[in-house]
C-alpha cells in the first residue's frame, strides 16, 4: 500500500510540475512557492498528506486563476494542509479575495497570507530570491545537526519563509542558520512543532549487526 501511495505521489508531483508550468505561462501564479520544494523521500509528512498538499496547490491555483485572472502574482505553498501565500496583489480587496478562495479549497486547514499590496516583482527580484533560497538550502545542508530535507524554504523580496514539522531545537537552530545567510533580510517561521520523542519515533531503527560466524575448530 505504501509503495502504491509513493508511486501515486511521484506521478502527482510530475503532473503538478507540468500544470504549474502551464499556469505560469499564462498568468503569474506559482505552485510550491517562489522557489520551494522538499525531497519526497524522508519527508516528515505522511504519504497521504503529501498527496493532499499537491492537490491543494493545484486546486487553489486553478480557482485563483478563474476568479482573479492575471492581475495578481501569487506564490502558493501547501505543507501539511497549511497554505502560505506570498507575492503581490494590486489591492487589499484582492489580498482578501485570494485568501477567501484558498480557505474554501478542500483539505486546507489554515492560510498564512503574506501577500503584499504592491506592483509585481521584477524578474531581477525573483532571480535574486531564487539565489537566496539556494544559499539557504546549502547552509541548512551544511548544518550537520539538522536534517535539511525537513525544511521547506520560500523566499520573497528578501524574506525567507521556513515551513516544516520540526522540534523546537531544530526550529531555533535553523532560524539562526538562515539569518546568517547572505541576502536574507528577514526570517518568518511557519513551523509545526513536534516533540523530540515524536521525532525519535519517526527515525528508522538502526540495523542490527549480525553475529560473526563461528570459526571451525582445528583438527
C-alpha atoms as a PDB file:
ATOM      1  CA  UNK A   1       0.000   0.000   0.000  1.00  0.00           C
ATOM      2  CA  UNK A   2       2.797   2.427   0.898  1.00  0.00           C
ATOM      3  CA  UNK A   3       4.571   1.642  -2.375  1.00  0.00           C
ATOM      4  CA  UNK A   4       1.381   2.432  -4.301  1.00  0.00           C
ATOM      5  CA  UNK A   5       0.954   5.736  -2.445  1.00  0.00           C
ATOM      6  CA  UNK A   6       4.543   6.774  -3.150  1.00  0.00           C
ATOM      7  CA  UNK A   7       4.154   5.895  -6.833  1.00  0.00           C
ATOM      8  CA  UNK A   8       0.932   7.897  -6.939  1.00  0.00           C
ATOM      9  CA  UNK A   9       2.712  10.784  -5.220  1.00  0.00           C
ATOM     10  CA  UNK A  10       5.571  10.771  -7.729  1.00  0.00           C
ATOM     11  CA  UNK A  11       3.096  10.868 -10.600  1.00  0.00           C
ATOM     12  CA  UNK A  12       1.191  13.682  -8.903  1.00  0.00           C
ATOM     13  CA  UNK A  13       4.366  15.717  -8.488  1.00  0.00           C
ATOM     14  CA  UNK A  14       5.201  15.286 -12.155  1.00  0.00           C
ATOM     15  CA  UNK A  15       1.699  16.279 -13.184  1.00  0.00           C
ATOM     16  CA  UNK A  16       1.767  19.222 -10.821  1.00  0.00           C
ATOM     17  CA  UNK A  17       5.015  20.462 -12.308  1.00  0.00           C
ATOM     18  CA  UNK A  18       3.591  20.263 -15.809  1.00  0.00           C
ATOM     19  CA  UNK A  19       0.369  22.012 -14.843  1.00  0.00           C
ATOM     20  CA  UNK A  20       2.242  24.627 -12.854  1.00  0.00           C
ATOM     21  CA  UNK A  21       4.370  25.367 -15.877  1.00  0.00           C
ATOM     22  CA  UNK A  22       1.248  25.767 -17.965  1.00  0.00           C
ATOM     23  CA  UNK A  23      -0.346  28.100 -15.455  1.00  0.00           C
ATOM     24  CA  UNK A  24       2.761  30.195 -15.109  1.00  0.00           C
ATOM     25  CA  UNK A  25       2.985  30.638 -18.860  1.00  0.00           C
ATOM     26  CA  UNK A  26      -0.471  32.241 -18.870  1.00  0.00           C
ATOM     27  CA  UNK A  27      -0.733  34.059 -15.546  1.00  0.00           C
ATOM     28  CA  UNK A  28       1.796  34.885 -12.824  1.00  0.00           C
ATOM     29  CA  UNK A  29       0.857  32.087 -10.424  1.00  0.00           C
ATOM     30  CA  UNK A  30       3.449  29.759  -8.962  1.00  0.00           C
ATOM     31  CA  UNK A  31       2.875  26.453  -7.153  1.00  0.00           C
ATOM     32  CA  UNK A  32       5.105  25.371  -4.337  1.00  0.00           C
ATOM     33  CA  UNK A  33       6.366  28.847  -3.529  1.00  0.00           C
ATOM     34  CA  UNK A  34       8.676  31.246  -5.294  1.00  0.00           C
ATOM     35  CA  UNK A  35      11.326  28.574  -5.048  1.00  0.00           C
ATOM     36  CA  UNK A  36      10.499  25.735  -2.762  1.00  0.00           C
ATOM     37  CA  UNK A  37      10.039  22.005  -2.625  1.00  0.00           C
ATOM     38  CA  UNK A  38      11.325  19.188  -0.467  1.00  0.00           C
ATOM     39  CA  UNK A  39      12.580  15.761  -1.284  1.00  0.00           C
ATOM     40  CA  UNK A  40       9.773  13.204  -1.342  1.00  0.00           C
ATOM     41  CA  UNK A  41      11.999  10.657   0.321  1.00  0.00           C
ATOM     42  CA  UNK A  42      12.329  11.109   4.088  1.00  0.00           C
ATOM     43  CA  UNK A  43       9.574  13.737   4.142  1.00  0.00           C
ATOM     44  CA  UNK A  44       8.111  14.042   7.639  1.00  0.00           C
ATOM     45  CA  UNK A  45       4.596  14.307   6.273  1.00  0.00           C
ATOM     46  CA  UNK A  46       2.623  11.147   5.670  1.00  0.00           C
ATOM     47  CA  UNK A  47       2.242   9.981   2.072  1.00  0.00           C
ATOM     48  CA  UNK A  48      -1.420  10.951   2.261  1.00  0.00           C
ATOM     49  CA  UNK A  49      -0.580  14.473   3.446  1.00  0.00           C
ATOM     50  CA  UNK A  50       1.919  14.914   0.628  1.00  0.00           C
ATOM     51  CA  UNK A  51      -0.722  13.922  -1.909  1.00  0.00           C
ATOM     52  CA  UNK A  52      -3.227  16.280  -0.333  1.00  0.00           C
ATOM     53  CA  UNK A  53      -0.736  19.161  -0.440  1.00  0.00           C
ATOM     54  CA  UNK A  54      -0.193  18.631  -4.165  1.00  0.00           C
ATOM     55  CA  UNK A  55      -3.947  18.574  -4.705  1.00  0.00           C
ATOM     56  CA  UNK A  56      -4.456  21.703  -2.609  1.00  0.00           C
ATOM     57  CA  UNK A  57      -1.883  23.630  -4.651  1.00  0.00           C
ATOM     58  CA  UNK A  58      -3.387  22.560  -7.978  1.00  0.00           C
ATOM     59  CA  UNK A  59      -6.979  23.311  -6.996  1.00  0.00           C
ATOM     60  CA  UNK A  60      -6.151  26.602  -5.308  1.00  0.00           C
ATOM     61  CA  UNK A  61      -4.142  27.937  -8.241  1.00  0.00           C
ATOM     62  CA  UNK A  62      -6.866  26.946 -10.673  1.00  0.00           C
ATOM     63  CA  UNK A  63      -9.523  28.750  -8.630  1.00  0.00           C
ATOM     64  CA  UNK A  64      -7.386  31.861  -8.180  1.00  0.00           C
ATOM     65  CA  UNK A  65      -6.816  31.962 -11.903  1.00  0.00           C
ATOM     66  CA  UNK A  66     -10.525  31.612 -12.630  1.00  0.00           C
ATOM     67  CA  UNK A  67     -11.601  34.278 -10.138  1.00  0.00           C
ATOM     68  CA  UNK A  68      -8.782  36.831 -10.209  1.00  0.00           C
ATOM     69  CA  UNK A  69      -7.037  36.360 -13.525  1.00  0.00           C
ATOM     70  CA  UNK A  70      -3.754  37.987 -14.458  1.00  0.00           C
ATOM     71  CA  UNK A  71      -3.799  40.997 -12.165  1.00  0.00           C
ATOM     72  CA  UNK A  72      -2.136  39.122  -9.291  1.00  0.00           C
ATOM     73  CA  UNK A  73       1.214  37.394  -8.815  1.00  0.00           C
ATOM     74  CA  UNK A  74       0.593  34.682  -6.232  1.00  0.00           C
ATOM     75  CA  UNK A  75       3.056  32.087  -4.954  1.00  0.00           C
ATOM     76  CA  UNK A  76       1.250  29.274  -3.147  1.00  0.00           C
ATOM     77  CA  UNK A  77       2.889  26.662  -0.940  1.00  0.00           C
ATOM     78  CA  UNK A  78       0.992  23.954   0.961  1.00  0.00           C
ATOM     79  CA  UNK A  79       2.715  21.985   3.713  1.00  0.00           C
ATOM     80  CA  UNK A  80       0.737  19.509   5.792  1.00  0.00           C
ATOM     81  CA  UNK A  81      -2.504  21.295   4.744  1.00  0.00           C
ATOM     82  CA  UNK A  82      -1.236  24.725   5.853  1.00  0.00           C
ATOM     83  CA  UNK A  83      -1.045  27.160   2.937  1.00  0.00           C
ATOM     84  CA  UNK A  84       1.431  30.024   2.631  1.00  0.00           C
ATOM     85  CA  UNK A  85       0.530  32.841   0.230  1.00  0.00           C
ATOM     86  CA  UNK A  86       3.296  35.160  -0.964  1.00  0.00           C
ATOM     87  CA  UNK A  87       3.612  37.508  -3.897  1.00  0.00           C
ATOM     88  CA  UNK A  88       1.945  40.740  -4.910  1.00  0.00           C
ATOM     89  CA  UNK A  89      -1.626  41.906  -5.477  1.00  0.00           C
ATOM     90  CA  UNK A  90      -2.885  45.350  -6.608  1.00  0.00           C
ATOM     91  CA  UNK A  91      -5.312  45.970  -3.727  1.00  0.00           C
ATOM     92  CA  UNK A  92      -6.302  44.989  -0.210  1.00  0.00           C
ATOM     93  CA  UNK A  93      -9.562  43.642  -1.656  1.00  0.00           C
ATOM     94  CA  UNK A  94      -7.621  41.276  -3.925  1.00  0.00           C
ATOM     95  CA  UNK A  95      -5.491  40.144  -0.981  1.00  0.00           C
ATOM     96  CA  UNK A  96      -8.617  39.242   0.977  1.00  0.00           C
ATOM     97  CA  UNK A  97     -10.277  37.647  -2.041  1.00  0.00           C
ATOM     98  CA  UNK A  98      -7.323  35.351  -2.722  1.00  0.00           C
ATOM     99  CA  UNK A  99      -7.282  34.240   0.915  1.00  0.00           C
ATOM    100  CA  UNK A 100     -11.019  33.518   0.831  1.00  0.00           C
ATOM    101  CA  UNK A 101     -10.637  31.465  -2.338  1.00  0.00           C
ATOM    102  CA  UNK A 102      -7.843  29.360  -0.842  1.00  0.00           C
ATOM    103  CA  UNK A 103      -9.604  28.924   2.508  1.00  0.00           C
ATOM    104  CA  UNK A 104     -12.541  27.281   0.724  1.00  0.00           C
ATOM    105  CA  UNK A 105     -10.325  24.698  -1.027  1.00  0.00           C
ATOM    106  CA  UNK A 106     -10.886  21.141   0.210  1.00  0.00           C
ATOM    107  CA  UNK A 107      -8.495  19.876   2.925  1.00  0.00           C
ATOM    108  CA  UNK A 108      -6.997  23.310   3.717  1.00  0.00           C
ATOM    109  CA  UNK A 109      -6.576  23.664   7.483  1.00  0.00           C
ATOM    110  CA  UNK A 110      -5.191  27.196   7.650  1.00  0.00           C
ATOM    111  CA  UNK A 111      -3.856  30.016   5.466  1.00  0.00           C
ATOM    112  CA  UNK A 112      -0.916  32.322   6.196  1.00  0.00           C
ATOM    113  CA  UNK A 113      -1.484  35.368   3.997  1.00  0.00           C
ATOM    114  CA  UNK A 114       1.800  37.183   3.304  1.00  0.00           C
ATOM    115  CA  UNK A 115       0.640  38.804   0.049  1.00  0.00           C
ATOM    116  CA  UNK A 116       1.918  42.362  -0.410  1.00  0.00           C
ATOM    117  CA  UNK A 117      -0.259  45.107  -1.857  1.00  0.00           C
ATOM    118  CA  UNK A 118       2.118  46.472  -4.497  1.00  0.00           C
ATOM    119  CA  UNK A 119       3.156  46.102  -8.108  1.00  0.00           C
ATOM    120  CA  UNK A 120       4.506  42.793  -9.402  1.00  0.00           C
ATOM    121  CA  UNK A 121       8.096  41.998  -8.506  1.00  0.00           C
ATOM    122  CA  UNK A 122      10.613  42.214 -11.340  1.00  0.00           C
ATOM    123  CA  UNK A 123      12.385  39.287 -12.968  1.00  0.00           C
ATOM    124  CA  UNK A 124      15.586  40.520 -11.359  1.00  0.00           C
ATOM    125  CA  UNK A 125      13.989  40.442  -7.899  1.00  0.00           C
ATOM    126  CA  UNK A 126      12.651  36.921  -8.451  1.00  0.00           C
ATOM    127  CA  UNK A 127      16.043  35.731  -9.673  1.00  0.00           C
ATOM    128  CA  UNK A 128      17.631  37.218  -6.561  1.00  0.00           C
ATOM    129  CA  UNK A 129      15.099  35.371  -4.371  1.00  0.00           C
ATOM    130  CA  UNK A 130      15.913  32.141  -6.186  1.00  0.00           C
ATOM    131  CA  UNK A 131      19.602  32.642  -5.447  1.00  0.00           C
ATOM    132  CA  UNK A 132      18.900  33.399  -1.778  1.00  0.00           C
ATOM    133  CA  UNK A 133      16.791  30.267  -1.427  1.00  0.00           C
ATOM    134  CA  UNK A 134      19.602  28.207  -2.941  1.00  0.00           C
ATOM    135  CA  UNK A 135      22.036  29.710  -0.443  1.00  0.00           C
ATOM    136  CA  UNK A 136      19.648  28.982   2.438  1.00  0.00           C
ATOM    137  CA  UNK A 137      19.256  25.345   1.395  1.00  0.00           C
ATOM    138  CA  UNK A 138      23.022  24.977   1.074  1.00  0.00           C
ATOM    139  CA  UNK A 139      23.523  26.381   4.581  1.00  0.00           C
ATOM    140  CA  UNK A 140      20.911  24.017   6.014  1.00  0.00           C
ATOM    141  CA  UNK A 141      22.591  21.113   4.234  1.00  0.00           C
ATOM    142  CA  UNK A 142      25.955  22.068   5.729  1.00  0.00           C
ATOM    143  CA  UNK A 143      24.473  22.152   9.244  1.00  0.00           C
ATOM    144  CA  UNK A 144      25.229  18.584  10.299  1.00  0.00           C
ATOM    145  CA  UNK A 145      22.891  18.775  13.288  1.00  0.00           C
ATOM    146  CA  UNK A 146      19.879  19.424  11.027  1.00  0.00           C
ATOM    147  CA  UNK A 147      18.003  17.285   8.513  1.00  0.00           C
ATOM    148  CA  UNK A 148      17.863  19.739   5.641  1.00  0.00           C
ATOM    149  CA  UNK A 149      15.015  17.951   3.840  1.00  0.00           C
ATOM    150  CA  UNK A 150      12.764  18.536   6.870  1.00  0.00           C
ATOM    151  CA  UNK A 151      12.524  22.200   5.859  1.00  0.00           C
ATOM    152  CA  UNK A 152      10.656  23.853   3.020  1.00  0.00           C
ATOM    153  CA  UNK A 153      12.085  27.240   2.061  1.00  0.00           C
ATOM    154  CA  UNK A 154      10.308  30.045   0.202  1.00  0.00           C
ATOM    155  CA  UNK A 155      11.947  33.420  -0.390  1.00  0.00           C
ATOM    156  CA  UNK A 156      10.021  36.543  -1.390  1.00  0.00           C
ATOM    157  CA  UNK A 157      11.629  40.000  -1.672  1.00  0.00           C
ATOM    158  CA  UNK A 158      14.463  39.019   0.659  1.00  0.00           C
ATOM    159  CA  UNK A 159      12.225  37.421   3.295  1.00  0.00           C
ATOM    160  CA  UNK A 160      12.789  33.689   3.784  1.00  0.00           C
ATOM    161  CA  UNK A 161       9.797  31.671   4.995  1.00  0.00           C
ATOM    162  CA  UNK A 162      10.543  28.364   6.714  1.00  0.00           C
ATOM    163  CA  UNK A 163       7.991  25.552   6.865  1.00  0.00           C
ATOM    164  CA  UNK A 164       8.206  22.017   8.203  1.00  0.00           C
ATOM    165  CA  UNK A 165       7.445  19.605  11.024  1.00  0.00           C
ATOM    166  CA  UNK A 166      10.375  20.175  13.368  1.00  0.00           C
ATOM    167  CA  UNK A 167      11.297  20.216  17.027  1.00  0.00           C
ATOM    168  CA  UNK A 168      11.822  23.469  18.914  1.00  0.00           C
ATOM    169  CA  UNK A 169      15.554  22.802  18.888  1.00  0.00           C
ATOM    170  CA  UNK A 170      15.549  22.353  15.117  1.00  0.00           C
ATOM    171  CA  UNK A 171      13.400  25.451  14.629  1.00  0.00           C
ATOM    172  CA  UNK A 172      15.748  27.647  16.667  1.00  0.00           C
ATOM    173  CA  UNK A 173      18.888  26.213  15.086  1.00  0.00           C
ATOM    174  CA  UNK A 174      17.549  26.569  11.534  1.00  0.00           C
ATOM    175  CA  UNK A 175      16.452  30.139  12.209  1.00  0.00           C
ATOM    176  CA  UNK A 176      19.969  31.040  13.353  1.00  0.00           C
ATOM    177  CA  UNK A 177      21.477  29.410  10.260  1.00  0.00           C
ATOM    178  CA  UNK A 178      19.114  31.158   7.863  1.00  0.00           C
ATOM    179  CA  UNK A 179      19.526  34.570   9.497  1.00  0.00           C
ATOM    180  CA  UNK A 180      23.252  34.316   8.810  1.00  0.00           C
ATOM    181  CA  UNK A 181      22.744  33.608   5.111  1.00  0.00           C
ATOM    182  CA  UNK A 182      23.785  36.296   2.638  1.00  0.00           C
ATOM    183  CA  UNK A 183      20.781  38.048   1.110  1.00  0.00           C
ATOM    184  CA  UNK A 184      18.279  37.116   3.824  1.00  0.00           C
ATOM    185  CA  UNK A 185      16.713  40.273   5.201  1.00  0.00           C
ATOM    186  CA  UNK A 186      14.087  38.642   7.410  1.00  0.00           C
ATOM    187  CA  UNK A 187      13.064  35.148   8.548  1.00  0.00           C
ATOM    188  CA  UNK A 188       9.423  34.124   9.059  1.00  0.00           C
ATOM    189  CA  UNK A 189       8.819  30.781  10.759  1.00  0.00           C
ATOM    190  CA  UNK A 190       5.700  28.799   9.879  1.00  0.00           C
ATOM    191  CA  UNK A 191       6.624  25.593  11.645  1.00  0.00           C
ATOM    192  CA  UNK A 192       4.569  22.766  13.069  1.00  0.00           C
ATOM    193  CA  UNK A 193       6.446  21.990  16.284  1.00  0.00           C
ATOM    194  CA  UNK A 194       6.750  18.346  17.273  1.00  0.00           C
ATOM    195  CA  UNK A 195       8.338  16.828  20.369  1.00  0.00           C
ATOM    196  CA  UNK A 196      11.774  15.230  20.477  1.00  0.00           C
ATOM    197  CA  UNK A 197      10.006  11.968  21.340  1.00  0.00           C
ATOM    198  CA  UNK A 198       7.851  12.138  18.223  1.00  0.00           C
ATOM    199  CA  UNK A 199      10.900  12.874  16.105  1.00  0.00           C
ATOM    200  CA  UNK A 200      12.777   9.929  17.608  1.00  0.00           C
ATOM    201  CA  UNK A 201       9.830   7.627  16.929  1.00  0.00           C
ATOM    202  CA  UNK A 202       9.958   8.577  13.243  1.00  0.00           C
ATOM    203  CA  UNK A 203      13.653   7.816  12.827  1.00  0.00           C
ATOM    204  CA  UNK A 204      14.488   4.471  11.201  1.00  0.00           C
ATOM    205  CA  UNK A 205      15.669   1.874  13.682  1.00  0.00           C
ATOM    206  CA  UNK A 206      19.413   1.150  13.479  1.00  0.00           C
ATOM    207  CA  UNK A 207      20.254  -2.030  11.626  1.00  0.00           C
ATOM    208  CA  UNK A 208      21.021  -4.939  13.919  1.00  0.00           C
ATOM    209  CA  UNK A 209      24.521  -6.317  13.482  1.00  0.00           C
ATOM    210  CA  UNK A 210      24.716  -9.972  12.542  1.00  0.00           C
ATOM    211  CA  UNK A 211      26.729 -12.207  14.869  1.00  0.00           C
ATOM    212  CA  UNK A 212      30.031 -13.281  13.387  1.00  0.00           C
ATOM    213  CA  UNK A 213      30.078 -16.820  12.068  1.00  0.00           C
ATOM    214  CA  UNK A 214      31.924 -19.229  14.342  1.00  0.00           C
ATOM    215  CA  UNK A 215      35.263 -20.367  13.012  1.00  0.00           C
ATOM    216  CA  UNK A 216      35.635 -24.128  12.629  1.00  0.00           C
ATOM    217  CA  UNK A 217      37.890 -25.594  15.263  1.00  0.00           C
ATOM    218  CA  UNK A 218      41.148 -27.070  14.093  1.00  0.00           C
ATOM    219  CA  UNK A 219      41.538 -30.853  13.994  1.00  0.00           C
END
